[in-house]
Protein backbone atom coordinates (compact mmCIF):
# COMPACT_ATOMS: atom_id res chain seq x y z
CA MET A 1 14.56 -48.93 83.89
CA GLN A 2 12.30 -48.84 80.13
CA PRO A 3 14.58 -49.34 77.55
CA GLU A 4 15.46 -46.25 75.49
CA LYS A 5 13.46 -45.81 72.73
CA ALA A 6 15.49 -45.19 69.29
CA ALA A 7 14.45 -41.60 67.77
CA LYS A 8 12.39 -41.88 64.63
CA THR A 9 13.91 -40.75 62.06
CA LYS A 10 11.79 -38.18 59.86
CA PRO A 11 11.85 -38.84 56.45
CA ARG A 12 12.83 -35.99 54.09
CA SER A 13 9.75 -34.61 52.38
CA SER A 14 10.26 -34.54 48.11
CA ASN A 15 8.55 -30.81 48.44
CA SER A 16 12.14 -29.00 48.50
CA GLY A 17 13.20 -31.15 45.55
CA ARG A 18 10.23 -29.83 43.40
CA ASN A 19 10.83 -26.11 44.70
CA LEU A 20 14.27 -26.53 43.76
CA THR A 21 13.34 -27.84 40.06
CA ILE A 22 10.66 -24.78 40.08
CA VAL A 23 13.00 -22.29 40.99
CA VAL A 24 15.30 -22.84 38.06
CA MET A 25 13.02 -23.48 35.66
CA VAL A 26 11.77 -19.48 36.64
CA LEU A 27 15.19 -18.40 36.15
CA ALA A 28 15.71 -20.24 32.99
CA VAL A 29 12.73 -18.55 31.39
CA VAL A 30 14.13 -15.02 33.20
CA LEU A 31 17.26 -15.48 31.76
CA LEU A 32 15.89 -16.08 28.03
CA LEU A 33 13.82 -13.40 28.36
CA SER A 34 16.30 -11.09 29.12
CA LEU A 35 18.67 -12.22 26.31
CA VAL A 36 15.48 -11.50 23.97
CA LEU A 37 14.96 -7.98 25.45
CA ILE A 38 18.34 -7.18 25.25
CA PHE A 39 18.53 -8.66 21.48
CA TYR A 40 15.65 -6.77 20.63
CA ILE A 41 17.14 -3.36 22.19
CA SER A 42 20.47 -3.36 21.12
CA GLY A 43 18.40 -3.98 17.77
CA LYS A 44 16.36 -0.62 18.18
CA ILE A 45 19.67 1.12 19.46
CA ASP A 46 21.38 0.22 15.86
CA SER A 47 18.31 1.41 14.02
CA LEU A 48 18.40 4.27 15.58
CA SER A 49 21.75 5.16 15.65
CA ASN A 50 22.46 4.61 12.02
CA ALA A 51 19.80 7.14 11.12
CA ASP A 52 20.73 10.74 10.03
CA THR A 53 18.17 12.36 12.06
CA GLN A 54 16.41 11.45 14.82
CA ILE A 55 12.97 13.00 15.09
CA LYS A 56 10.54 12.54 17.89
CA LEU A 57 7.47 13.22 15.83
CA SER A 58 4.87 14.41 18.71
CA ALA A 59 7.66 17.03 18.57
CA GLN A 60 6.80 18.32 14.98
CA GLY A 61 3.70 20.26 13.66
CA GLY A 62 0.39 18.76 13.46
CA PHE A 63 -2.20 17.66 15.87
CA ASN A 64 -2.83 14.73 17.93
CA CYS A 65 -5.42 12.11 18.21
CA GLU A 66 -6.11 8.42 19.42
CA TYR A 67 -4.93 5.46 17.74
CA SER A 68 -8.85 4.88 16.35
CA GLU A 69 -8.71 8.12 14.73
CA ALA A 70 -5.46 7.75 13.51
CA GLN A 71 -6.67 4.82 10.86
CA LYS A 72 -9.22 6.91 9.41
CA LEU A 73 -6.72 9.81 8.20
CA TYR A 74 -5.04 9.91 4.73
CA PRO A 75 -2.43 12.47 4.15
CA PHE A 76 -3.63 14.54 1.01
CA GLY A 77 -3.29 18.06 -0.64
CA GLU A 78 -1.94 20.16 2.07
CA GLY A 79 -3.71 18.41 4.71
CA VAL A 80 -5.76 14.72 5.77
CA LEU A 81 -8.70 13.33 4.50
CA LYS A 82 -10.90 11.85 7.29
CA VAL A 83 -12.78 8.98 6.28
CA THR A 84 -15.60 7.45 8.31
CA ASN A 85 -18.58 5.52 7.67
CA GLU A 86 -20.62 8.34 7.60
CA ARG A 87 -18.54 11.55 6.35
CA VAL A 88 -15.64 12.03 4.64
CA ALA A 89 -13.88 16.04 5.53
CA TYR A 90 -10.98 17.43 4.65
CA LEU A 91 -8.77 18.79 7.42
CA THR A 92 -5.65 20.91 7.72
CA LEU A 93 -2.71 19.89 9.53
CA SER A 94 -4.24 21.42 12.98
CA GLY A 95 -7.01 19.12 12.62
CA ASN A 96 -9.61 21.92 11.72
CA ASP A 97 -12.44 21.26 9.13
CA ILE A 98 -11.84 22.65 5.52
CA PHE A 99 -15.11 20.80 4.19
CA SER A 100 -16.71 17.59 4.48
CA SER A 101 -19.87 15.44 3.28
CA GLN A 102 -22.06 13.05 4.24
CA ILE A 103 -21.55 9.50 3.09
CA SER A 104 -23.08 6.26 3.98
CA TYR A 105 -20.81 3.36 2.94
CA GLN A 106 -20.46 0.33 5.02
CA ASN A 107 -16.71 -0.38 3.90
CA PRO A 108 -14.88 2.93 3.06
CA GLN A 109 -11.55 3.15 1.02
CA CYS A 110 -9.48 6.16 0.18
CA VAL A 111 -6.96 6.31 -3.13
CA THR A 112 -5.16 9.25 -3.64
CA PHE A 113 -2.96 10.44 -6.75
CA GLY A 114 -1.92 13.63 -7.32
CA ASP A 115 -4.68 16.20 -7.33
CA TYR A 116 -7.45 13.93 -6.70
CA ALA A 117 -8.74 11.21 -4.50
CA VAL A 118 -11.57 9.33 -4.34
CA VAL A 119 -13.74 7.44 -1.52
CA PHE A 120 -15.33 4.23 -2.57
CA ASP A 121 -17.68 1.80 -0.42
CA LEU A 122 -15.63 -1.64 -1.31
CA ASP A 123 -18.78 -4.01 -2.21
CA GLY A 124 -20.71 -1.37 -2.15
CA TYR A 125 -22.31 1.07 -4.89
CA ASN A 126 -20.93 4.93 -4.28
CA PHE A 127 -17.87 6.74 -4.58
CA THR A 128 -16.91 10.42 -4.44
CA LEU A 129 -14.18 12.18 -6.26
CA LEU A 130 -12.53 14.96 -4.05
CA THR A 131 -9.59 17.85 -4.42
CA GLN A 132 -8.29 19.32 -1.43
CA ASP A 133 -10.50 22.11 -2.43
CA ALA A 134 -14.23 20.35 -2.63
CA VAL A 135 -16.19 17.37 -3.17
CA VAL A 136 -16.02 16.99 -7.19
CA TYR A 137 -19.44 14.67 -6.71
CA SER A 138 -20.42 11.57 -5.58
CA LYS A 139 -21.97 8.85 -7.89
CA PRO A 140 -23.72 5.65 -7.38
CA THR A 141 -23.22 2.80 -9.03
CA ILE A 142 -25.77 -0.41 -10.22
CA ASN A 143 -23.25 -3.11 -9.52
CA GLN A 144 -20.98 -3.59 -6.23
CA ILE A 145 -17.70 -1.54 -6.51
CA LYS A 146 -14.01 -4.17 -6.60
CA ALA A 147 -11.44 -1.32 -7.26
CA VAL A 148 -11.05 1.96 -8.29
CA ASN A 149 -8.00 3.92 -10.13
CA VAL A 150 -7.80 7.57 -10.67
CA SER A 151 -5.82 9.64 -13.70
CA SER A 152 -3.86 12.77 -13.48
CA SER A 153 -6.45 14.63 -15.25
CA GLY A 154 -9.19 13.12 -12.99
CA ILE A 155 -10.44 10.85 -14.99
CA THR A 156 -11.81 7.86 -12.71
CA ALA A 157 -12.03 3.82 -13.66
CA VAL A 158 -14.32 1.62 -11.94
CA ILE A 159 -14.14 -1.90 -11.62
CA THR A 160 -17.76 -3.26 -10.58
CA ASN A 161 -19.32 -6.68 -10.51
CA SER A 162 -22.06 -7.57 -13.27
CA GLN A 163 -24.83 -10.07 -13.56
CA GLU A 164 -24.59 -10.25 -17.02
CA SER A 165 -21.07 -10.55 -17.53
CA TYR A 166 -17.60 -11.11 -15.83
CA GLY A 167 -17.22 -7.51 -14.84
CA GLU A 168 -17.56 -4.02 -16.25
CA VAL A 169 -15.25 -0.93 -15.98
CA LEU A 170 -17.13 2.25 -15.99
CA LEU A 171 -15.09 5.49 -16.83
CA PHE A 172 -16.26 9.01 -15.51
CA ASP A 173 -14.61 12.31 -16.52
CA LEU A 174 -14.05 15.11 -14.33
CA ASN A 175 -17.48 16.37 -14.04
CA GLY A 176 -18.93 12.96 -13.14
CA VAL A 177 -20.57 12.01 -16.83
CA ALA A 178 -20.15 8.58 -17.93
CA ILE A 179 -18.05 8.45 -20.80
CA SER A 180 -17.57 4.90 -20.90
CA GLN A 181 -18.72 1.29 -20.16
CA TRP A 182 -17.04 -1.90 -21.41
CA SER A 183 -18.71 -5.26 -20.17
CA SER A 184 -15.72 -8.27 -20.37
CA TYR A 185 -18.21 -11.08 -21.78
CA ASN A 186 -15.20 -12.91 -22.89
CA SER A 187 -11.77 -11.77 -21.44
CA GLY A 188 -12.67 -13.00 -18.07
CA TYR A 189 -12.89 -10.92 -14.57
CA PRO A 190 -11.68 -7.27 -14.39
CA ILE A 191 -8.95 -7.29 -11.96
CA ALA A 192 -7.16 -4.11 -11.78
CA CYS A 193 -6.46 -0.99 -14.07
CA ALA A 194 -3.87 1.55 -14.75
CA PHE A 195 -3.60 5.09 -17.06
CA ASN A 196 -0.86 6.50 -18.59
CA ASP A 197 0.99 9.89 -17.51
CA ASP A 198 -1.66 11.92 -19.93
CA SER A 199 -4.58 9.68 -19.26
CA THR A 200 -4.80 8.65 -23.51
CA LEU A 201 -4.59 5.53 -22.82
CA LEU A 202 -6.08 2.96 -20.13
CA ALA A 203 -4.57 -1.33 -19.28
CA VAL A 204 -7.12 -3.52 -17.82
CA SER A 205 -6.02 -6.49 -16.55
CA THR A 206 -8.45 -9.21 -16.71
CA LEU A 207 -8.42 -13.37 -15.62
CA ASN A 208 -10.13 -15.90 -17.71
CA THR A 209 -11.18 -19.05 -15.40
CA ASN A 210 -13.12 -21.09 -17.76
CA GLY A 211 -10.95 -23.72 -18.92
CA ALA A 212 -8.75 -26.21 -16.93
CA LEU A 213 -5.93 -23.17 -16.68
CA VAL A 214 -6.62 -19.86 -16.15
CA VAL A 215 -5.61 -17.34 -18.85
CA PRO A 216 -5.00 -13.87 -17.87
CA TYR A 217 -5.61 -10.99 -20.92
CA ILE A 218 -4.48 -7.68 -20.85
CA ARG A 219 -7.11 -4.71 -22.54
CA GLN A 220 -5.67 -1.64 -23.59
CA PHE A 221 -8.18 1.48 -24.27
CA SER A 222 -7.34 4.47 -25.80
CA LEU A 223 -9.15 8.17 -24.81
CA THR A 224 -9.29 10.62 -27.04
CA LYS A 225 -10.54 14.12 -26.61
CA GLY A 226 -12.81 15.30 -29.20
CA ASP A 227 -15.99 17.67 -29.81
CA LYS A 228 -18.04 15.46 -28.11
CA GLY A 229 -15.66 14.88 -24.94
CA ILE A 230 -13.46 12.00 -24.34
CA GLU A 231 -14.01 9.01 -26.61
CA VAL A 232 -12.66 5.62 -25.76
CA ALA A 233 -11.92 2.97 -27.91
CA ASP A 234 -10.45 -0.53 -28.20
CA ARG A 235 -6.65 -0.81 -28.65
CA ALA A 236 -5.03 -3.84 -28.22
CA ILE A 237 -5.77 -7.30 -26.40
CA TYR A 238 -2.78 -9.55 -24.94
CA SER A 239 -2.17 -12.77 -23.57
CA THR A 240 0.30 -15.24 -22.40
CA GLU A 241 0.39 -18.89 -21.73
CA ASP A 242 1.25 -18.50 -18.31
CA ASN A 243 -0.76 -19.53 -15.55
CA VAL A 244 -0.59 -16.01 -13.99
CA VAL A 245 -2.28 -13.48 -12.36
CA PHE A 246 -1.48 -10.01 -13.52
CA SER A 247 -2.87 -8.26 -10.07
CA SER A 248 -1.24 -4.82 -10.69
CA LEU A 249 0.00 -2.68 -13.56
CA PHE A 250 2.02 0.35 -14.28
CA TYR A 251 2.72 2.86 -17.27
CA VAL A 252 6.40 3.99 -17.64
CA GLY A 253 5.88 6.29 -20.39
CA ASP A 254 4.09 4.38 -22.97
CA LYS A 255 5.09 1.17 -21.84
CA LEU A 256 3.02 -1.01 -19.94
CA TYR A 257 4.49 -3.14 -16.87
CA CYS A 258 2.26 -5.98 -15.24
CA PHE A 259 2.70 -7.50 -11.64
CA THR A 260 2.37 -10.52 -10.74
CA ALA A 261 2.98 -12.11 -7.11
CA ASP A 262 6.67 -13.25 -7.82
CA SER A 263 7.12 -11.78 -11.51
CA ILE A 264 7.15 -8.62 -13.77
CA TYR A 265 5.98 -8.93 -17.11
CA GLN A 266 6.24 -5.93 -20.00
CA VAL A 267 3.94 -5.58 -22.82
CA THR A 268 5.56 -4.85 -26.32
CA ASP A 269 3.56 -4.20 -29.40
CA GLU A 270 3.43 -7.71 -30.32
CA GLU A 271 3.47 -9.50 -26.59
CA ILE A 272 3.62 -9.75 -23.08
CA LYS A 273 6.80 -11.19 -22.14
CA GLN A 274 8.40 -11.55 -18.81
CA ILE A 275 11.45 -9.66 -17.47
CA ASN A 276 13.99 -11.96 -16.03
CA PHE A 277 14.40 -10.38 -12.34
CA ASP A 278 15.08 -12.33 -9.40
CA PHE A 279 12.29 -11.52 -7.05
CA ALA A 280 10.62 -14.29 -5.25
CA VAL A 281 7.87 -12.41 -3.47
CA VAL A 282 6.69 -8.96 -5.14
CA GLY A 283 5.25 -6.24 -2.65
CA ARG A 284 4.42 -2.38 -3.26
CA VAL A 285 5.29 -0.93 -6.64
CA VAL A 286 5.32 2.91 -6.99
CA LYS A 287 6.76 4.96 -10.43
CA VAL A 288 8.82 7.80 -9.95
CA LYS A 289 9.28 9.54 -12.82
CA ASN A 290 10.26 6.85 -15.42
CA ASN A 291 11.67 4.54 -12.83
CA LEU A 292 9.68 1.95 -10.95
CA PHE A 293 10.22 1.24 -7.09
CA ILE A 294 9.93 -2.23 -6.29
CA THR A 295 9.66 -3.88 -2.65
CA TYR A 296 10.53 -7.62 -2.50
CA SER A 297 11.83 -10.46 -0.70
CA ASP A 298 13.48 -13.70 -1.46
CA GLY A 299 10.53 -15.77 0.36
CA VAL A 300 7.58 -15.28 2.39
CA SER A 301 9.19 -13.69 5.85
CA GLN A 302 12.42 -12.95 4.59
CA MET A 303 13.86 -9.47 4.79
CA ASN A 304 12.32 -6.93 2.64
CA LYS A 305 14.28 -5.26 -0.40
CA LEU A 306 14.04 -2.68 -2.43
CA ALA A 307 14.92 -2.41 -6.13
CA VAL A 308 14.96 0.40 -8.65
CA ILE A 309 14.54 -0.36 -12.16
CA ASN A 310 14.31 2.25 -15.39
CA ASP A 311 12.86 1.84 -18.60
CA SER A 312 15.67 0.05 -20.01
CA ASN A 313 14.85 -2.64 -17.55
CA THR A 314 18.38 -2.26 -15.75
CA VAL A 315 18.41 -2.62 -12.11
CA LEU A 316 19.69 0.84 -10.50
CA TYR A 317 19.48 0.06 -7.47
CA SER A 318 19.00 -2.93 -4.69
CA SER A 319 19.06 -3.10 -1.09
CA SER A 320 17.85 -4.48 1.97
CA ILE A 321 15.38 -2.00 3.91
CA GLY A 322 14.19 -4.02 6.99
CA SER A 323 11.40 -6.58 8.15
CA ASP A 324 8.09 -4.38 8.48
CA ILE A 325 7.24 -2.08 5.42
CA ASN A 326 4.25 0.77 6.85
CA ALA A 327 3.80 2.63 3.92
CA VAL A 328 4.87 4.03 0.84
CA CYS A 329 4.48 7.20 -1.28
CA THR A 330 5.62 9.43 -4.13
CA ASN A 331 5.47 13.35 -5.30
CA GLY A 332 6.65 12.25 -9.13
CA SER A 333 10.52 12.95 -8.17
CA LEU A 334 11.12 12.03 -4.58
CA TYR A 335 10.00 8.72 -3.02
CA ALA A 336 9.66 7.59 0.68
CA ILE A 337 9.28 4.15 2.51
CA SER A 338 8.53 3.73 6.17
CA VAL A 339 10.37 0.28 7.23
CA ASN A 340 9.90 -0.56 10.98
CA LYS A 341 10.83 2.93 12.72
CA ARG A 342 12.74 4.23 10.08
CA VAL A 343 11.86 6.63 7.33
CA PHE A 344 14.07 6.80 4.04
CA VAL A 345 13.67 9.59 1.18
CA TYR A 346 15.08 8.44 -2.27
CA ASN A 347 15.43 10.67 -5.52
CA ALA A 348 14.28 9.00 -8.99
CA SER A 349 17.57 7.39 -9.40
CA GLY A 350 17.86 5.54 -6.07
CA THR A 351 20.24 7.29 -4.07
CA VAL A 352 19.05 7.85 -0.40
CA VAL A 353 18.34 11.49 0.66
CA GLY A 354 17.33 11.14 3.71
CA ASP A 355 17.31 8.86 6.58
CA TYR A 356 14.87 9.20 9.57
CA SER A 357 14.71 7.52 12.68
CA VAL A 358 10.87 8.04 14.50
CA ASP A 359 9.89 6.98 17.83
CA GLU A 360 6.18 5.74 17.02
CA ASP A 361 4.76 3.32 14.38
CA ILE A 362 3.65 4.89 11.33
CA LEU A 363 0.48 4.03 9.56
CA ARG A 364 0.53 6.50 6.31
CA LEU A 365 2.68 8.86 4.57
CA ASN A 366 2.45 11.76 2.15
CA PHE A 367 4.53 14.22 0.03
CA ILE A 368 2.93 17.79 0.72
CA ALA A 369 4.34 21.44 -0.04
CA GLY A 370 7.22 19.75 -2.70
CA ASP A 371 9.45 17.87 -0.34
CA LYS A 372 7.79 17.75 3.06
CA LEU A 373 6.54 14.67 4.55
CA CYS A 374 2.69 13.94 6.22
CA ILE A 375 2.87 11.38 8.52
CA VAL A 376 -0.52 9.80 10.17
CA SER A 377 1.40 7.61 13.61
CA THR A 378 -0.36 5.98 16.04
CA SER A 379 -0.79 9.18 17.85
CA GLY A 380 -1.50 11.43 15.18
CA VAL A 381 -0.68 13.42 12.36
CA HIS A 382 3.13 14.97 12.00
CA THR A 383 5.37 16.83 9.47
CA ILE A 384 9.01 16.21 8.52
CA SER A 385 10.84 18.87 6.63
C-alpha cells in the first residue's frame, strides 16, 4: 500500500486582512461625515428656531431667475437695476423693464445712495448716473476710473488715475457739467472720498508713497452754491505719523471718521486722532442717522460682530452676529444685515426690530417703500415687509 499522503494546508490569504482594514476605514469616514452633517444640520436648525420669523423667499413677492441673472441685479428705488456689460435697465419688482440704456463696459460696477445710482466701468472710461425714473446722463473720462461716489443731491465724485499726477478727483453736477477737477501732485494717490449730508463738504483720502514710509492725507473741500453754480474750494488738509491707509470715510454731521483695516480715526479741527476701539479687523461701515454701524471681528476667520457707535464715540450696542456677512443696507433710519441665512433689522440706536430666517443665500438687499426690504437671492428678487 502506498502510504497516505499528508493533506496539504493552504496558506491563509492576506486579502481578508486587507479587506477588513478597508471596511474599518470606510466605516470611520462615514462616521466622521455623519458627525459633521449632524453638527451642520443642528446648527441650521438652531439658526432657524431662534429667528422671530421663518420665510420661504420663493413664496414672497418678486420674480424668479437664474443665479447668473441674479448676480446682475441691484435693489434700487422701487425695483431693481439690471447691469450687464452691454446694458443697464431699471425693472419693476415683477421683472418688467421701465427703461434701459445701452452701454459698453468691460467691468461694470454699481453704487447707490438715496435717490441716485451710478454705474461705472472700473478701470474703464465711462460712467452713468440714474434715478428710478430715467438715465440722468452718461459721461466719458480721459483717464481710468478707480472709484465713484455720489452725494444726496446727485453730485458725483469720480476718482481716476492720471499721467501727469498721482490721480484726479472729478466733480459733476446733476446735469453732468464738470464743476471741479483736483489733481493730486503732492498728496499721493486718491483712494476714497465722501460727502457730508447736505453736500457742502467733500473729503478725499490719499496715500503718499514717495518716502520710506507711506504717509496718509485727508483733504477737505467746501462746496458752495453761487450764481455761477457750485464753487469748490480747498478747506483743510490733515495727516498723521501713523503708517496707515484710510480706505473709507464717513461724515456724521460735519464730523469726519476715517477707517483703516483695523482702526478708526476722527478728524478734529486740529488733527487726525485715533479712537480707541478694540476692533482687530474692521469690516463694513454704514451711517444710520448720527450713528455708525460697524461690522468687525477679533481676527481673521473669527466670528463677526456688530457695533453701533454714536457721534460722542460711545458704543451703544455690540454683539456677535454670525460667520458670513452677505450684505448690509440702510434707509437712513433702519439698518439691515444679512448674515448666513438670517436677516436682522435694527433701528438707529441699535435695537433689533426684525429677525428673519430665510431658505436661500442672499446676494444683495436694500430698503424700498419705507421699511420694506428688497432681497436679491440666488433664485431671484423677493420682498419682505
